[in-house]
Amino acid sequence: MRLTDHQAAEIRRAAARHFGADAEVRLFGSRVDDSRRGGDIDLYVETDLRDPDDVFRREIAMLVDLNLALGEQKIDLVVRRRGQTDELPIHRVARDTGVRL
């Protein structure tokens, strides 16, 4: 996994702050593979929050916090509400290949 301990801790803190202590956060994509270089930080968060507008606001706030904590980096954030019936392929990929932080 190509994140520092500091980066992983900041990501966990931001996810808990914006989506609750029970939110699950995973790193997926190229940063999971130690043999690769570069790449953006792809994050998957699963939350119990239900209101889509609230989830969207929290997603933006988490990205702002991460930008301040980690510096300017390309971060992709995929958020899924638990119990959401319309699962996208990216949700499955993130859960199946991602590393829980």
Protein backbone atom coordinates (compact mmCIF):
# COMPACT_ATOMS: atom_id res chain seq x y z
CA MET A 1 0.00 0.00 0.00
CA ARG A 2 1.52 3.29 -1.06
CA LEU A 3 0.35 5.62 1.69
CA THR A 4 2.37 6.81 4.63
CA ASP A 5 1.12 6.07 8.14
CA HIS A 6 0.36 9.78 8.46
CA GLN A 7 -1.71 9.81 5.26
CA ALA A 8 -3.67 6.71 6.30
CA ALA A 9 -4.36 8.19 9.74
CA GLU A 10 -5.55 11.50 8.26
CA ILE A 11 -7.87 9.65 5.88
CA ARG A 12 -9.34 7.56 8.72
CA ARG A 13 -9.84 10.68 10.86
CA ALA A 14 -11.52 12.57 8.02
CA ALA A 15 -13.86 9.66 7.25
CA ALA A 16 -14.86 9.33 10.92
CA ARG A 17 -15.31 13.09 11.28
CA HIS A 18 -17.55 13.44 8.25
CA PHE A 19 -19.28 10.06 8.01
CA GLY A 20 -19.21 8.75 11.58
CA ALA A 21 -17.06 6.34 13.54
CA ASP A 22 -18.82 3.37 11.94
CA ALA A 23 -17.92 4.44 8.38
CA GLU A 24 -15.74 1.97 6.50
CA VAL A 25 -12.95 3.47 4.42
CA ARG A 26 -10.87 1.58 1.85
CA LEU A 27 -7.98 2.51 -0.41
CA PHE A 28 -8.29 1.00 -3.88
CA GLY A 29 -6.76 1.47 -7.31
CA SER A 30 -3.10 1.89 -8.17
CA ARG A 31 -2.04 2.98 -4.65
CA VAL A 32 -2.77 -0.53 -3.37
CA ASP A 33 -0.03 -1.96 -5.62
CA ASP A 34 3.44 -1.38 -4.13
CA SER A 35 5.12 -2.07 -7.48
CA ARG A 36 3.46 0.88 -9.23
CA ARG A 37 4.38 4.55 -9.07
CA GLY A 38 2.36 7.73 -8.93
CA GLY A 39 -1.39 7.69 -9.22
CA ASP A 40 -4.19 9.40 -7.43
CA ILE A 41 -5.58 8.36 -4.07
CA ASP A 42 -8.78 6.37 -4.69
CA LEU A 43 -10.95 6.08 -1.59
CA TYR A 44 -14.19 4.21 -0.96
CA VAL A 45 -16.35 5.11 2.03
CA GLU A 46 -19.42 3.19 3.13
CA THR A 47 -21.74 5.01 5.52
CA ASP A 48 -25.03 4.55 7.35
CA LEU A 49 -26.10 8.10 6.47
CA ARG A 50 -29.23 8.11 4.32
CA ASP A 51 -29.86 11.61 2.96
CA PRO A 52 -28.12 11.90 -0.44
CA ASP A 53 -27.74 15.69 -0.13
CA ASP A 54 -26.16 15.34 3.32
CA VAL A 55 -23.82 12.63 2.02
CA PHE A 56 -22.75 14.87 -0.88
CA ARG A 57 -22.03 17.82 1.45
CA ARG A 58 -19.97 15.57 3.72
CA GLU A 59 -18.09 14.16 0.73
CA ILE A 60 -17.03 17.66 -0.35
CA ALA A 61 -16.09 18.58 3.23
CA MET A 62 -13.96 15.44 3.55
CA LEU A 63 -12.13 16.24 0.32
CA VAL A 64 -11.42 19.78 1.57
CA ASP A 65 -10.10 18.41 4.88
CA LEU A 66 -7.89 15.89 3.08
CA ASN A 67 -6.54 18.57 0.78
CA LEU A 68 -5.55 20.66 3.80
CA ALA A 69 -4.10 17.68 5.71
CA LEU A 70 -2.27 15.94 2.85
CA GLY A 71 -1.48 18.82 0.53
CA GLU A 72 -2.66 19.17 -3.01
CA GLN A 73 -3.12 15.70 -4.41
CA LYS A 74 -5.58 14.09 -6.75
CA ILE A 75 -8.09 12.29 -4.54
CA ASP A 76 -11.08 10.36 -5.88
CA LEU A 77 -13.75 9.65 -3.30
CA VAL A 78 -16.52 7.12 -3.89
CA VAL A 79 -19.23 7.09 -1.23
CA ARG A 80 -21.92 4.45 -0.90
CA ARG A 81 -24.81 4.49 1.51
CA ARG A 82 -25.26 1.12 3.24
CA GLY A 83 -28.46 -0.50 2.09
CA GLN A 84 -28.39 1.46 -1.16
CA THR A 85 -30.07 -0.77 -3.74
CA ASP A 86 -28.32 0.53 -6.85
CA GLU A 87 -24.80 -0.82 -6.46
CA LEU A 88 -22.42 0.38 -9.14
CA PRO A 89 -19.54 -1.71 -10.51
CA ILE A 90 -17.05 0.70 -8.90
CA HIS A 91 -18.52 -0.14 -5.49
CA ARG A 92 -17.83 -3.84 -6.03
CA VAL A 93 -14.32 -3.19 -7.34
CA ALA A 94 -13.47 -0.95 -4.38
CA ARG A 95 -14.76 -3.47 -1.83
CA ASP A 96 -13.20 -6.51 -3.54
CA THR A 97 -9.77 -5.04 -4.30
CA GLY A 98 -9.48 -2.28 -1.70
CA VAL A 99 -7.49 -2.29 1.51
CA ARG A 100 -9.37 -1.25 4.61
CA LEU A 101 -7.71 1.67 6.36
